PDB file of N, CA and C in Angstrom:
ATOM      1  N   UNK A   1     -77.919  68.338-201.990  1.00  0.00           N
ATOM      2  CA  UNK A   1     -77.699  68.475-203.416  1.00  0.00           C
ATOM      3  C   UNK A   1     -78.720  67.611-204.151  1.00  0.00           C
ATOM      4  N   UNK A   2     -79.288  68.138-205.222  1.00  0.00           N
ATOM      5  CA  UNK A   2     -80.267  67.367-205.988  1.00  0.00           C
ATOM      6  C   UNK A   2     -79.618  66.484-207.052  1.00  0.00           C
ATOM      7  N   UNK A   3     -80.373  65.488-207.466  1.00  0.00           N
ATOM      8  CA  UNK A   3     -79.985  64.665-208.601  1.00  0.00           C
ATOM      9  C   UNK A   3     -80.586  65.289-209.857  1.00  0.00           C
ATOM     10  N   UNK A   4     -79.823  65.319-210.931  1.00  0.00           N
ATOM     11  CA  UNK A   4     -80.299  65.796-212.222  1.00  0.00           C
ATOM     12  C   UNK A   4     -80.226  64.647-213.215  1.00  0.00           C
ATOM     13  N   UNK A   5     -81.251  64.535-214.054  1.00  0.00           N
ATOM     14  CA  UNK A   5     -81.318  63.477-215.050  1.00  0.00           C
ATOM     15  C   UNK A   5     -80.993  64.058-216.418  1.00  0.00           C
ATOM     16  N   UNK A   6     -80.190  63.321-217.170  1.00  0.00           N
ATOM     17  CA  UNK A   6     -79.791  63.729-218.517  1.00  0.00           C
ATOM     18  C   UNK A   6     -80.149  62.630-219.506  1.00  0.00           C
ATOM     19  N   UNK A   7     -80.528  63.041-220.725  1.00  0.00           N
ATOM     20  CA  UNK A   7     -80.840  62.125-221.823  1.00  0.00           C
ATOM     21  C   UNK A   7     -80.062  62.536-223.062  1.00  0.00           C
ATOM     22  N   UNK A   8     -79.911  61.585-223.965  1.00  0.00           N
ATOM     23  CA  UNK A   8     -79.232  61.837-225.227  1.00  0.00           C
ATOM     24  C   UNK A   8     -79.965  62.922-226.012  1.00  0.00           C
ATOM     25  N   UNK A   9     -79.224  63.855-226.582  1.00  0.00           N
ATOM     26  CA  UNK A   9     -79.817  64.954-227.342  1.00  0.00           C
ATOM     27  C   UNK A   9     -79.696  64.736-228.844  1.00  0.00           C
ATOM     28  N   UNK A  10     -79.067  63.651-229.255  1.00  0.00           N
ATOM     29  CA  UNK A  10     -78.899  63.366-230.679  1.00  0.00           C
ATOM     30  C   UNK A  10     -79.447  61.974-230.973  1.00  0.00           C
ATOM     31  N   UNK A  11     -79.445  61.618-232.251  1.00  0.00           N
ATOM     32  CA  UNK A  11     -79.904  60.274-232.631  1.00  0.00           C
ATOM     33  C   UNK A  11     -78.847  59.221-232.336  1.00  0.00           C
ATOM     34  N   UNK A  12     -77.590  59.599-232.417  1.00  0.00           N
ATOM     35  CA  UNK A  12     -76.495  58.673-232.139  1.00  0.00           C
ATOM     36  C   UNK A  12     -76.137  58.765-230.668  1.00  0.00           C
ATOM     37  N   UNK A  13     -76.362  57.699-229.938  1.00  0.00           N
ATOM     38  CA  UNK A  13     -76.010  57.692-228.518  1.00  0.00           C
ATOM     39  C   UNK A  13     -75.857  56.258-228.027  1.00  0.00           C
ATOM     40  N   UNK A  14     -75.271  56.122-226.876  1.00  0.00           N
ATOM     41  CA  UNK A  14     -75.055  54.803-226.296  1.00  0.00           C
ATOM     42  C   UNK A  14     -76.254  54.414-225.420  1.00  0.00           C
ATOM     43  N   UNK A  15     -76.248  53.191-224.935  1.00  0.00           N
ATOM     44  CA  UNK A  15     -77.333  52.720-224.064  1.00  0.00           C
ATOM     45  C   UNK A  15     -77.405  53.538-222.773  1.00  0.00           C
ATOM     46  N   UNK A  16     -76.256  53.992-222.316  1.00  0.00           N
ATOM     47  CA  UNK A  16     -76.177  54.743-221.062  1.00  0.00           C
ATOM     48  C   UNK A  16     -76.973  56.045-221.136  1.00  0.00           C
ATOM     49  N   UNK A  17     -76.758  56.831-222.170  1.00  0.00           N
ATOM     50  CA  UNK A  17     -77.449  58.119-222.258  1.00  0.00           C
ATOM     51  C   UNK A  17     -78.798  58.018-222.971  1.00  0.00           C
ATOM     52  N   UNK A  18     -79.009  56.969-223.754  1.00  0.00           N
ATOM     53  CA  UNK A  18     -80.296  56.785-224.421  1.00  0.00           C
ATOM     54  C   UNK A  18     -81.382  56.511-223.386  1.00  0.00           C
ATOM     55  N   UNK A  19     -81.064  55.745-222.359  1.00  0.00           N
ATOM     56  CA  UNK A  19     -82.021  55.424-221.295  1.00  0.00           C
ATOM     57  C   UNK A  19     -82.057  56.490-220.213  1.00  0.00           C
ATOM     58  N   UNK A  20     -81.123  57.394-220.232  1.00  0.00           N
ATOM     59  CA  UNK A  20     -81.043  58.458-219.230  1.00  0.00           C
ATOM     60  C   UNK A  20     -80.148  58.059-218.075  1.00  0.00           C
ATOM     61  N   UNK A  21     -79.480  59.034-217.507  1.00  0.00           N
ATOM     62  CA  UNK A  21     -78.625  58.810-216.341  1.00  0.00           C
ATOM     63  C   UNK A  21     -78.783  59.984-215.394  1.00  0.00           C
ATOM     64  N   UNK A  22     -78.569  59.743-214.117  1.00  0.00           N
ATOM     65  CA  UNK A  22     -78.712  60.781-213.091  1.00  0.00           C
ATOM     66  C   UNK A  22     -77.364  61.078-212.464  1.00  0.00           C
ATOM     67  N   UNK A  23     -77.154  62.345-212.146  1.00  0.00           N
ATOM     68  CA  UNK A  23     -75.909  62.790-211.526  1.00  0.00           C
ATOM     69  C   UNK A  23     -76.254  63.702-210.353  1.00  0.00           C
ATOM     70  N   UNK A  24     -75.587  63.482-209.244  1.00  0.00           N
ATOM     71  CA  UNK A  24     -75.727  64.338-208.065  1.00  0.00           C
ATOM     72  C   UNK A  24     -74.868  65.577-208.279  1.00  0.00           C
ATOM     73  N   UNK A  25     -75.523  66.755-208.314  1.00  0.00           N
ATOM     74  CA  UNK A  25     -74.793  68.004-208.581  1.00  0.00           C
ATOM     75  C   UNK A  25     -75.285  69.111-207.654  1.00  0.00           C
ATOM     76  N   UNK A  26     -74.425  70.068-207.428  1.00  0.00           N
ATOM     77  CA  UNK A  26     -74.844  71.279-206.717  1.00  0.00           C
ATOM     78  C   UNK A  26     -75.819  72.043-207.608  1.00  0.00           C
ATOM     79  N   UNK A  27     -76.683  72.823-206.988  1.00  0.00           N
ATOM     80  CA  UNK A  27     -77.681  73.589-207.730  1.00  0.00           C
ATOM     81  C   UNK A  27     -77.012  74.578-208.687  1.00  0.00           C
ATOM     82  N   UNK A  28     -75.904  75.180-208.257  1.00  0.00           N
ATOM     83  CA  UNK A  28     -75.234  76.181-209.086  1.00  0.00           C
ATOM     84  C   UNK A  28     -74.167  75.587-210.007  1.00  0.00           C
ATOM     85  N   UNK A  29     -74.076  74.260-210.087  1.00  0.00           N
ATOM     86  CA  UNK A  29     -73.083  73.616-210.959  1.00  0.00           C
ATOM     87  C   UNK A  29     -73.498  73.748-212.423  1.00  0.00           C
ATOM     88  N   UNK A  30     -72.508  73.814-213.298  1.00  0.00           N
ATOM     89  CA  UNK A  30     -72.763  73.863-214.728  1.00  0.00           C
ATOM     90  C   UNK A  30     -73.397  72.535-215.160  1.00  0.00           C
ATOM     91  N   UNK A  31     -74.372  72.583-216.069  1.00  0.00           N
ATOM     92  CA  UNK A  31     -74.990  71.329-216.524  1.00  0.00           C
ATOM     93  C   UNK A  31     -74.005  70.479-217.314  1.00  0.00           C
ATOM     94  N   UNK A  32     -74.240  69.169-217.303  1.00  0.00           N
ATOM     95  CA  UNK A  32     -73.433  68.245-218.091  1.00  0.00           C
ATOM     96  C   UNK A  32     -73.815  68.432-219.552  1.00  0.00           C
ATOM     97  N   UNK A  33     -72.848  68.545-220.427  1.00  0.00           N
ATOM     98  CA  UNK A  33     -73.108  68.764-221.848  1.00  0.00           C
ATOM     99  C   UNK A  33     -72.914  67.507-222.681  1.00  0.00           C
ATOM    100  N   UNK A  34     -72.049  66.597-222.216  1.00  0.00           N
ATOM    101  CA  UNK A  34     -71.723  65.409-222.988  1.00  0.00           C
ATOM    102  C   UNK A  34     -71.820  64.156-222.122  1.00  0.00           C
ATOM    103  N   UNK A  35     -72.220  63.064-222.732  1.00  0.00           N
ATOM    104  CA  UNK A  35     -72.328  61.781-222.043  1.00  0.00           C
ATOM    105  C   UNK A  35     -70.940  61.336-221.578  1.00  0.00           C
ATOM    106  N   UNK A  36     -70.806  60.922-220.316  1.00  0.00           N
ATOM    107  CA  UNK A  36     -69.496  60.478-219.833  1.00  0.00           C
ATOM    108  C   UNK A  36     -69.049  59.146-220.464  1.00  0.00           C
ATOM    109  N   UNK A  37     -69.970  58.403-221.084  1.00  0.00           N
ATOM    110  CA  UNK A  37     -69.632  57.108-221.689  1.00  0.00           C
ATOM    111  C   UNK A  37     -69.241  57.239-223.164  1.00  0.00           C
ATOM    112  N   UNK A  38     -70.104  57.923-223.951  1.00  0.00           N
ATOM    113  CA  UNK A  38     -69.866  57.970-225.403  1.00  0.00           C
ATOM    114  C   UNK A  38     -69.422  59.338-225.914  1.00  0.00           C
ATOM    115  N   UNK A  39     -69.638  60.390-225.142  1.00  0.00           N
ATOM    116  CA  UNK A  39     -69.202  61.712-225.546  1.00  0.00           C
ATOM    117  C   UNK A  39     -70.185  62.494-226.398  1.00  0.00           C
ATOM    118  N   UNK A  40     -71.365  61.924-226.683  1.00  0.00           N
ATOM    119  CA  UNK A  40     -72.373  62.652-227.463  1.00  0.00           C
ATOM    120  C   UNK A  40     -73.093  63.660-226.582  1.00  0.00           C
ATOM    121  N   UNK A  41     -73.735  64.639-227.243  1.00  0.00           N
ATOM    122  CA  UNK A  41     -74.450  65.689-226.501  1.00  0.00           C
ATOM    123  C   UNK A  41     -75.620  65.107-225.725  1.00  0.00           C
ATOM    124  N   UNK A  42     -75.836  65.662-224.526  1.00  0.00           N
ATOM    125  CA  UNK A  42     -76.980  65.284-223.698  1.00  0.00           C
ATOM    126  C   UNK A  42     -77.720  66.550-223.274  1.00  0.00           C
ATOM    127  N   UNK A  43     -78.965  66.384-222.853  1.00  0.00           N
ATOM    128  CA  UNK A  43     -79.765  67.514-222.371  1.00  0.00           C
ATOM    129  C   UNK A  43     -80.339  67.163-221.012  1.00  0.00           C
ATOM    130  N   UNK A  44     -80.513  68.187-220.195  1.00  0.00           N
ATOM    131  CA  UNK A  44     -81.076  68.006-218.862  1.00  0.00           C
ATOM    132  C   UNK A  44     -82.583  67.816-218.983  1.00  0.00           C
ATOM    133  N   UNK A  45     -83.107  66.839-218.264  1.00  0.00           N
ATOM    134  CA  UNK A  45     -84.536  66.549-218.267  1.00  0.00           C
ATOM    135  C   UNK A  45     -85.153  67.186-217.033  1.00  0.00           C
ATOM    136  N   UNK A  46     -86.226  67.935-217.229  1.00  0.00           N
ATOM    137  CA  UNK A  46     -86.909  68.557-216.110  1.00  0.00           C
ATOM    138  C   UNK A  46     -87.977  67.593-215.618  1.00  0.00           C
ATOM    139  N   UNK A  47     -87.965  67.326-214.327  1.00  0.00           N
ATOM    140  CA  UNK A  47     -88.934  66.399-213.745  1.00  0.00           C
ATOM    141  C   UNK A  47     -89.509  66.990-212.471  1.00  0.00           C
ATOM    142  N   UNK A  48     -90.569  66.395-212.001  1.00  0.00           N
ATOM    143  CA  UNK A  48     -91.221  66.867-210.781  1.00  0.00           C
ATOM    144  C   UNK A  48     -90.311  66.618-209.580  1.00  0.00           C
ATOM    145  N   UNK A  49     -90.285  67.541-208.628  1.00  0.00           N
ATOM    146  CA  UNK A  49     -89.449  67.345-207.447  1.00  0.00           C
ATOM    147  C   UNK A  49     -90.041  66.285-206.527  1.00  0.00           C
ATOM    148  N   UNK A  50     -89.206  65.678-205.748  1.00  0.00           N
ATOM    149  CA  UNK A  50     -89.636  64.691-204.765  1.00  0.00           C
ATOM    150  C   UNK A  50     -89.804  65.415-203.443  1.00  0.00           C
ATOM    151  N   UNK A  51     -91.038  65.697-203.075  1.00  0.00           N
ATOM    152  CA  UNK A  51     -91.324  66.464-201.867  1.00  0.00           C
ATOM    153  C   UNK A  51     -91.872  65.529-200.800  1.00  0.00           C
ATOM    154  N   UNK A  52     -91.300  65.594-199.618  1.00  0.00           N
ATOM    155  CA  UNK A  52     -91.748  64.772-198.507  1.00  0.00           C
ATOM    156  C   UNK A  52     -92.421  65.671-197.491  1.00  0.00           C
ATOM    157  N   UNK A  53     -93.629  65.322-197.130  1.00  0.00           N
ATOM    158  CA  UNK A  53     -94.362  66.106-196.135  1.00  0.00           C
ATOM    159  C   UNK A  53     -93.876  65.723-194.746  1.00  0.00           C
ATOM    160  N   UNK A  54     -93.547  66.697-193.939  1.00  0.00           N
ATOM    161  CA  UNK A  54     -93.079  66.431-192.583  1.00  0.00           C
ATOM    162  C   UNK A  54     -94.185  66.216-191.587  1.00  0.00           C
ATOM    163  N   UNK A  55     -95.434  66.446-191.971  1.00  0.00           N
ATOM    164  CA  UNK A  55     -96.552  66.343-191.048  1.00  0.00           C
ATOM    165  C   UNK A  55     -96.662  64.950-190.436  1.00  0.00           C
ATOM    166  N   UNK A  56     -96.518  63.917-191.231  1.00  0.00           N
ATOM    167  CA  UNK A  56     -96.671  62.551-190.741  1.00  0.00           C
ATOM    168  C   UNK A  56     -95.607  62.188-189.714  1.00  0.00           C
ATOM    169  N   UNK A  57     -94.465  62.848-189.769  1.00  0.00           N
ATOM    170  CA  UNK A  57     -93.373  62.518-188.860  1.00  0.00           C
ATOM    171  C   UNK A  57     -93.522  63.194-187.495  1.00  0.00           C
ATOM    172  N   UNK A  58     -94.400  64.172-187.369  1.00  0.00           N
ATOM    173  CA  UNK A  58     -94.543  64.908-186.117  1.00  0.00           C
ATOM    174  C   UNK A  58     -95.955  64.799-185.553  1.00  0.00           C
ATOM    175  N   UNK A  59     -96.615  63.667-185.789  1.00  0.00           N
ATOM    176  CA  UNK A  59     -98.003  63.541-185.366  1.00  0.00           C
ATOM    177  C   UNK A  59     -98.149  63.335-183.863  1.00  0.00           C
ATOM    178  N   UNK A  60     -97.191  62.737-183.214  1.00  0.00           N
ATOM    179  CA  UNK A  60     -97.304  62.521-181.771  1.00  0.00           C
ATOM    180  C   UNK A  60     -96.570  63.620-181.015  1.00  0.00           C
ATOM    181  N   UNK A  61     -97.040  63.869-179.802  1.00  0.00           N
ATOM    182  CA  UNK A  61     -96.405  64.889-178.970  1.00  0.00           C
ATOM    183  C   UNK A  61     -94.956  64.525-178.666  1.00  0.00           C
ATOM    184  N   UNK A  62     -94.707  63.243-178.396  1.00  0.00           N
ATOM    185  CA  UNK A  62     -93.362  62.794-178.054  1.00  0.00           C
ATOM    186  C   UNK A  62     -92.400  63.009-179.229  1.00  0.00           C
ATOM    187  N   UNK A  63     -92.841  62.671-180.432  1.00  0.00           N
ATOM    188  CA  UNK A  63     -91.996  62.851-181.619  1.00  0.00           C
ATOM    189  C   UNK A  63     -91.692  64.322-181.849  1.00  0.00           C
ATOM    190  N   UNK A  64     -92.696  65.173-181.716  1.00  0.00           N
ATOM    191  CA  UNK A  64     -92.497  66.613-181.915  1.00  0.00           C
ATOM    192  C   UNK A  64     -91.477  67.144-180.915  1.00  0.00           C
ATOM    193  N   UNK A  65     -91.604  66.743-179.667  1.00  0.00           N
ATOM    194  CA  UNK A  65     -90.689  67.211-178.630  1.00  0.00           C
ATOM    195  C   UNK A  65     -89.275  66.700-178.880  1.00  0.00           C
ATOM    196  N   UNK A  66     -89.130  65.450-179.307  1.00  0.00           N
ATOM    197  CA  UNK A  66     -87.808  64.886-179.594  1.00  0.00           C
ATOM    198  C   UNK A  66     -87.123  65.625-180.737  1.00  0.00           C
ATOM    199  N   UNK A  67     -87.895  66.128-181.684  1.00  0.00           N
ATOM    200  CA  UNK A  67     -87.343  66.860-182.824  1.00  0.00           C
ATOM    201  C   UNK A  67     -87.104  68.329-182.507  1.00  0.00           C
ATOM    202  N   UNK A  68     -87.423  68.769-181.289  1.00  0.00           N
ATOM    203  CA  UNK A  68     -87.167  70.142-180.886  1.00  0.00           C
ATOM    204  C   UNK A  68     -88.300  71.111-181.163  1.00  0.00           C
ATOM    205  N   UNK A  69     -89.498  70.592-181.446  1.00  0.00           N
ATOM    206  CA  UNK A  69     -90.640  71.443-181.721  1.00  0.00           C
ATOM    207  C   UNK A  69     -91.533  71.553-180.490  1.00  0.00           C
ATOM    208  N   UNK A  70     -92.307  72.613-180.448  1.00  0.00           N
ATOM    209  CA  UNK A  70     -93.338  72.778-179.430  1.00  0.00           C
ATOM    210  C   UNK A  70     -94.674  72.583-180.125  1.00  0.00           C
ATOM    211  N   UNK A  71     -95.513  71.756-179.518  1.00  0.00           N
ATOM    212  CA  UNK A  71     -96.809  71.444-180.131  1.00  0.00           C
ATOM    213  C   UNK A  71     -97.923  72.011-179.261  1.00  0.00           C
ATOM    214  N   UNK A  72     -98.905  72.641-179.903  1.00  0.00           N
ATOM    215  CA  UNK A  72    -100.049  73.228-179.213  1.00  0.00           C
ATOM    216  C   UNK A  72    -101.334  72.633-179.769  1.00  0.00           C
ATOM    217  N   UNK A  73    -102.368  72.586-178.922  1.00  0.00           N
ATOM    218  CA  UNK A  73    -103.700  72.213-179.385  1.00  0.00           C
ATOM    219  C   UNK A  73    -104.664  73.325-179.009  1.00  0.00           C
ATOM    220  N   UNK A  74    -105.706  73.439-179.783  1.00  0.00           N
ATOM    221  CA  UNK A  74    -106.672  74.506-179.553  1.00  0.00           C
ATOM    222  C   UNK A  74    -107.438  74.223-178.264  1.00  0.00           C
ATOM    223  N   UNK A  75    -107.461  75.211-177.363  1.00  0.00           N
ATOM    224  CA  UNK A  75    -108.141  75.062-176.075  1.00  0.00           C
ATOM    225  C   UNK A  75    -109.402  75.910-176.010  1.00  0.00           C
ATOM    226  N   UNK A  76    -109.581  76.766-176.942  1.00  0.00           N
ATOM    227  CA  UNK A  76    -110.744  77.649-176.969  1.00  0.00           C
ATOM    228  C   UNK A  76    -110.593  78.639-178.089  1.00  0.00           C
ATOM    229  N   UNK A  77    -111.501  79.602-178.144  1.00  0.00           N
ATOM    230  CA  UNK A  77    -111.463  80.603-179.203  1.00  0.00           C
ATOM    231  C   UNK A  77    -110.235  81.494-179.046  1.00  0.00           C
ATOM    232  N   UNK A  78    -109.270  81.337-179.947  1.00  0.00           N
ATOM    233  CA  UNK A  78    -108.063  82.146-179.915  1.00  0.00           C
ATOM    234  C   UNK A  78    -107.064  81.752-178.851  1.00  0.00           C
ATOM    235  N   UNK A  79    -107.262  80.610-178.205  1.00  0.00           N
ATOM    236  CA  UNK A  79    -106.361  80.155-177.144  1.00  0.00           C
ATOM    237  C   UNK A  79    -105.841  78.764-177.500  1.00  0.00           C
ATOM    238  N   UNK A  80    -104.524  78.593-177.363  1.00  0.00           N
ATOM    239  CA  UNK A  80    -103.897  77.302-177.638  1.00  0.00           C
ATOM    240  C   UNK A  80    -103.095  76.873-176.413  1.00  0.00           C
ATOM    241  N   UNK A  81    -103.187  75.569-176.081  1.00  0.00           N
ATOM    242  CA  UNK A  81    -102.519  75.016-174.908  1.00  0.00           C
ATOM    243  C   UNK A  81    -101.361  74.128-175.365  1.00  0.00           C
ATOM    244  N   UNK A  82    -100.207  74.267-174.701  1.00  0.00           N
ATOM    245  CA  UNK A  82     -99.020  73.478-175.047  1.00  0.00           C
ATOM    246  C   UNK A  82     -99.244  72.020-174.663  1.00  0.00           C
ATOM    247  N   UNK A  83     -98.900  71.102-175.580  1.00  0.00           N
ATOM    248  CA  UNK A  83     -98.983  69.673-175.285  1.00  0.00           C
ATOM    249  C   UNK A  83     -97.605  69.023-175.255  1.00  0.00           C
ATOM    250  N   UNK A  84     -96.603  69.655-175.843  1.00  0.00           N
ATOM    251  CA  UNK A  84     -95.253  69.097-175.849  1.00  0.00           C
ATOM    252  C   UNK A  84     -94.246  70.189-176.163  1.00  0.00           C
ATOM    253  N   UNK A  85     -93.029  69.992-175.678  1.00  0.00           N
ATOM    254  CA  UNK A  85     -91.937  70.898-175.997  1.00  0.00           C
ATOM    255  C   UNK A  85     -91.785  72.045-175.021  1.00  0.00           C
ATOM    256  N   UNK A  86     -90.862  72.935-175.359  1.00  0.00           N
ATOM    257  CA  UNK A  86     -90.596  74.109-174.538  1.00  0.00           C
ATOM    258  C   UNK A  86     -91.425  75.266-175.046  1.00  0.00           C
ATOM    259  N   UNK A  87     -91.658  76.227-174.204  1.00  0.00           N
ATOM    260  CA  UNK A  87     -92.415  77.402-174.623  1.00  0.00           C
ATOM    261  C   UNK A  87     -93.507  77.725-173.631  1.00  0.00           C
ATOM    262  N   UNK A  88     -94.236  78.791-173.884  1.00  0.00           N
ATOM    263  CA  UNK A  88     -95.286  79.188-172.954  1.00  0.00           C
ATOM    264  C   UNK A  88     -96.390  78.132-172.881  1.00  0.00           C
ATOM    265  N   UNK A  89     -97.004  78.027-171.710  1.00  0.00           N
ATOM    266  CA  UNK A  89     -98.055  77.022-171.496  1.00  0.00           C
ATOM    267  C   UNK A  89     -99.283  77.307-172.359  1.00  0.00           C
ATOM    268  N   UNK A  90     -99.604  78.589-172.533  1.00  0.00           N
ATOM    269  CA  UNK A  90    -100.747  78.987-173.341  1.00  0.00           C
ATOM    270  C   UNK A  90    -100.326  80.073-174.335  1.00  0.00           C
ATOM    271  N   UNK A  91    -100.992  80.087-175.476  1.00  0.00           N
ATOM    272  CA  UNK A  91    -100.837  81.169-176.454  1.00  0.00           C
ATOM    273  C   UNK A  91    -102.232  81.721-176.681  1.00  0.00           C
ATOM    274  N   UNK A  92    -102.333  83.043-176.589  1.00  0.00           N
ATOM    275  CA  UNK A  92    -103.624  83.697-176.761  1.00  0.00           C
ATOM    276  C   UNK A  92    -103.496  84.793-177.793  1.00  0.00           C
ATOM    277  N   UNK A  93    -104.563  85.014-178.550  1.00  0.00           N
ATOM    278  CA  UNK A  93    -104.573  86.063-179.547  1.00  0.00           C
ATOM    279  C   UNK A  93    -104.831  87.428-178.971  1.00  0.00           C
ATOM    280  N   UNK A  94    -105.083  87.511-177.684  1.00  0.00           N
ATOM    281  CA  UNK A  94    -105.388  88.801-177.009  1.00  0.00           C
ATOM    282  C   UNK A  94    -104.125  89.588-176.761  1.00  0.00           C
TER     283      UNK A  94
END
């Protein structure tokens, strides 16, 4: 479930909603319309998502295998050799 940030939508608001607050909600949940502290209207703030790249976590053969992945390295033109995990020893484009 993502966190959603809300800010005060009016001039009259409390410190809680004036500075913004975050709530953990389901994606399909109705947006919060009023501040839980003062009751004034609030609006949802759109922000950039926090994306974590998984590449750094699977750089070693041992880590990839522990996570249930099969890792291959290029052995030639169109041929890949398995270095970790389950699966065929070689993959070929032929």
